[in-house]
Amino acid sequence: WRHDYPRAERNLLSILSEVTGIETTPDSNVIVQLEDPEIMDYPLLYFSEPGTWNITPEEARNFREYLDRGGFAIFDDFDGPRDWMNFERCMKQVIPERNLVELTLDHPVFNCFYEIETLDMVPPYRVRGKPTFYGLEDDHGRLQVVVNFNNDIGDFWEWSDEQFHPIQLSNEAYKFGVNYIIYALTH
């Protein structure tokens, strides 16, 4: 099943290359299993629809090690309290001693390349609640996980080349994606 993949990733990588000069290729995005040690080879992981996620103990251990080694994860495309409760339960299996916290506009992830002007983002379709950004930080304050709750930023990336959504909303979504990648590569 391919939800947003591979169009969203390819479009985002194309924009990233154009605006930052970071070299990307069409195969810069790959699918790896969370329990696979190969995830350690990638500075950033992107998860779509994590509200229905079920994590195994092996995946939780490997993902924890990935984050502790400096990895960064983006969780996107889910909404509503049921999705949130399931996602939070899974993250507690990964890092039980930390809690996800709501991020504010002054967080460095929103100002590391583009200066994001507002977190009041319009989702691409009707969601159950206001889009909110959450994060999980390590003991030194480095953001390890960013969560686009009640939103689907990847949907804007996926359809931007078809003008399915208003261009200004796609542009804003790209700013978030570029910032996430720059943050992941520099922190």
Protein backbone atom coordinates (compact mmCIF):
# COMPACT_ATOMS: atom_id res chain seq x y z
CA TRP A 1 0.00 0.00 0.00
CA ARG A 2 1.45 3.35 -0.99
CA HIS A 3 -0.03 6.30 0.82
CA ASP A 4 1.67 9.50 -0.41
CA TYR A 5 4.65 7.35 -1.43
CA PRO A 6 6.66 7.85 -3.56
CA ARG A 7 5.33 11.13 -4.97
CA ALA A 8 5.40 13.08 -1.72
CA GLU A 9 8.98 12.13 -0.96
CA ARG A 10 10.19 12.72 -4.53
CA ASN A 11 8.52 16.13 -4.72
CA LEU A 12 9.92 17.15 -1.32
CA LEU A 13 13.42 16.00 -2.26
CA SER A 14 13.21 17.93 -5.52
CA ILE A 15 12.26 21.13 -3.68
CA LEU A 16 14.95 20.49 -1.05
CA SER A 17 17.58 20.24 -3.78
CA GLU A 18 16.34 23.37 -5.54
CA VAL A 19 16.17 25.66 -2.50
CA THR A 20 19.12 24.39 -0.43
CA GLY A 21 21.61 22.91 -2.87
CA ILE A 22 21.54 19.60 -0.98
CA GLU A 23 22.05 16.93 -3.60
CA THR A 24 19.27 14.37 -3.80
CA THR A 25 18.43 11.63 -6.23
CA PRO A 26 15.13 9.92 -7.11
CA ASP A 27 16.25 6.95 -5.01
CA SER A 28 17.11 9.08 -1.97
CA ASN A 29 13.95 7.75 -0.38
CA VAL A 30 13.79 4.07 0.52
CA ILE A 31 11.54 1.92 2.63
CA VAL A 32 13.20 0.11 5.51
CA GLN A 33 11.68 -2.01 8.25
CA LEU A 34 11.83 -0.42 11.70
CA GLU A 35 13.51 -3.47 13.24
CA ASP A 36 16.21 -3.47 10.53
CA PRO A 37 19.61 -2.17 11.70
CA GLU A 38 19.80 -0.46 8.27
CA ILE A 39 17.73 2.43 9.69
CA MET A 40 20.95 3.59 11.38
CA ASP A 41 22.21 4.54 7.90
CA TYR A 42 19.57 7.26 7.52
CA PRO A 43 19.49 10.57 9.41
CA LEU A 44 15.73 10.93 8.98
CA LEU A 45 12.73 8.62 9.00
CA TYR A 46 9.28 9.61 7.74
CA PHE A 47 6.17 7.82 9.00
CA SER A 48 2.75 8.22 7.39
CA GLU A 49 -0.50 7.35 9.17
CA PRO A 50 1.05 6.42 12.54
CA GLY A 51 -2.33 6.49 14.25
CA THR A 52 -2.79 2.84 13.32
CA TRP A 53 0.78 1.88 14.15
CA ASN A 54 1.49 -1.33 16.06
CA ILE A 55 5.07 -1.59 17.28
CA THR A 56 6.85 -4.79 18.28
CA PRO A 57 9.38 -4.93 21.13
CA GLU A 58 12.18 -5.47 18.58
CA GLU A 59 11.09 -2.41 16.58
CA ALA A 60 10.84 -0.33 19.77
CA ARG A 61 14.40 -1.27 20.83
CA ASN A 62 15.85 -0.55 17.39
CA PHE A 63 13.94 2.72 17.02
CA ARG A 64 15.09 3.82 20.51
CA GLU A 65 18.70 3.11 19.57
CA TYR A 66 18.23 5.03 16.31
CA LEU A 67 16.94 8.10 18.16
CA ASP A 68 19.65 7.85 20.83
CA ARG A 69 22.31 7.78 18.11
CA GLY A 70 21.03 11.08 16.71
CA GLY A 71 18.29 9.99 14.31
CA PHE A 72 15.26 12.16 13.61
CA ALA A 73 11.70 11.05 12.84
CA ILE A 74 8.71 12.81 11.29
CA PHE A 75 5.23 11.47 12.00
CA ASP A 76 2.55 12.76 9.64
CA ASP A 77 -0.98 12.11 8.43
CA PHE A 78 -3.21 11.17 11.31
CA ASP A 79 -5.98 12.81 13.25
CA GLY A 80 -8.32 12.46 16.15
CA PRO A 81 -7.99 11.26 19.73
CA ARG A 82 -8.03 7.52 18.94
CA ASP A 83 -5.06 7.88 16.58
CA TRP A 84 -3.25 10.03 19.15
CA MET A 85 -3.77 7.56 22.00
CA ASN A 86 -2.46 4.68 19.89
CA PHE A 87 0.54 6.69 18.71
CA GLU A 88 1.37 7.82 22.25
CA ARG A 89 1.14 4.21 23.47
CA CYS A 90 3.62 3.12 20.81
CA MET A 91 6.03 5.97 21.59
CA LYS A 92 5.92 5.03 25.30
CA GLN A 93 7.22 1.61 24.27
CA VAL A 94 10.12 3.34 22.53
CA ILE A 95 10.97 5.97 25.16
CA PRO A 96 8.87 5.42 28.29
CA GLU A 97 10.57 8.12 30.34
CA ARG A 98 9.75 11.02 28.00
CA ASN A 99 6.54 12.71 26.94
CA LEU A 100 5.55 14.35 23.70
CA VAL A 101 5.12 18.11 24.18
CA GLU A 102 3.37 20.70 22.06
CA LEU A 103 5.85 22.72 20.02
CA THR A 104 5.62 26.49 19.75
CA LEU A 105 6.60 28.75 16.89
CA ASP A 106 9.85 29.74 18.60
CA HIS A 107 11.23 26.18 18.48
CA PRO A 108 14.41 26.02 16.36
CA VAL A 109 12.88 23.42 14.00
CA PHE A 110 10.55 26.15 12.71
CA ASN A 111 13.36 28.65 12.14
CA CYS A 112 16.40 26.66 10.99
CA PHE A 113 16.05 27.45 7.27
CA TYR A 114 12.71 29.10 6.64
CA GLU A 115 11.17 31.25 9.33
CA ILE A 116 7.76 29.68 9.67
CA GLU A 117 5.32 32.51 10.34
CA THR A 118 2.47 30.55 11.89
CA LEU A 119 1.61 27.07 13.10
CA ASP A 120 -2.04 27.64 12.18
CA MET A 121 -1.76 25.47 9.13
CA VAL A 122 -4.83 24.52 7.13
CA PRO A 123 -5.01 20.73 6.72
CA PRO A 124 -5.65 19.32 3.23
CA TYR A 125 -8.96 17.79 4.29
CA ARG A 126 -11.37 17.83 7.23
CA VAL A 127 -9.78 16.66 10.49
CA ARG A 128 -11.11 16.14 13.99
CA GLY A 129 -9.51 19.09 15.74
CA LYS A 130 -6.94 21.79 15.21
CA PRO A 131 -3.64 20.84 13.59
CA THR A 132 -0.98 20.79 16.31
CA PHE A 133 2.75 20.14 16.25
CA TYR A 134 4.33 17.96 18.92
CA GLY A 135 7.87 16.95 19.62
CA LEU A 136 10.01 14.63 21.66
CA GLU A 137 13.40 15.85 22.83
CA ASP A 138 16.39 14.07 24.28
CA ASP A 139 17.99 14.95 27.62
CA HIS A 140 19.99 17.74 25.95
CA GLY A 141 17.01 19.45 24.29
CA ARG A 142 17.64 18.09 20.78
CA LEU A 143 14.39 17.39 18.99
CA GLN A 144 14.28 13.72 18.01
CA VAL A 145 10.69 13.44 16.81
CA VAL A 146 8.27 15.92 15.24
CA VAL A 147 4.57 15.09 14.94
CA ASN A 148 2.14 16.78 12.54
CA PHE A 149 -1.02 15.93 14.45
CA ASN A 150 -4.42 16.56 12.83
CA ASN A 151 -2.66 17.27 9.59
CA ASP A 152 -1.25 15.61 6.49
CA ILE A 153 1.63 17.72 5.27
CA GLY A 154 2.72 14.89 2.97
CA ASP A 155 -0.56 15.23 1.07
CA PHE A 156 0.45 18.76 0.06
CA TRP A 157 3.83 17.45 -1.14
CA GLU A 158 2.25 14.56 -3.01
CA TRP A 159 -0.20 16.64 -5.03
CA SER A 160 1.73 19.90 -5.44
CA ASP A 161 2.70 19.11 -9.02
CA GLU A 162 -0.97 18.60 -9.93
CA GLN A 163 -2.30 21.77 -8.29
CA PHE A 164 -4.76 19.66 -6.32
CA HIS A 165 -4.40 22.02 -3.32
CA PRO A 166 -3.90 25.79 -3.34
CA ILE A 167 -0.27 26.58 -4.18
CA GLN A 168 0.25 28.75 -1.09
CA LEU A 169 -0.67 25.80 1.17
CA SER A 170 1.70 23.49 -0.70
CA ASN A 171 4.45 26.09 -0.40
CA GLU A 172 3.92 26.30 3.37
CA ALA A 173 4.01 22.51 3.64
CA TYR A 174 7.32 22.46 1.79
CA LYS A 175 8.75 24.98 4.24
CA PHE A 176 7.94 22.63 7.11
CA GLY A 177 9.49 19.67 5.27
CA VAL A 178 12.66 21.54 4.33
CA ASN A 179 13.03 22.79 7.90
CA TYR A 180 12.59 19.28 9.30
CA ILE A 181 15.32 17.94 7.02
CA ILE A 182 17.73 20.80 7.69
CA TYR A 183 17.16 20.41 11.43
CA ALA A 184 17.73 16.65 11.21
CA LEU A 185 21.00 17.16 9.31
CA THR A 186 22.37 19.90 11.57
CA HIS A 187 21.33 18.95 15.10
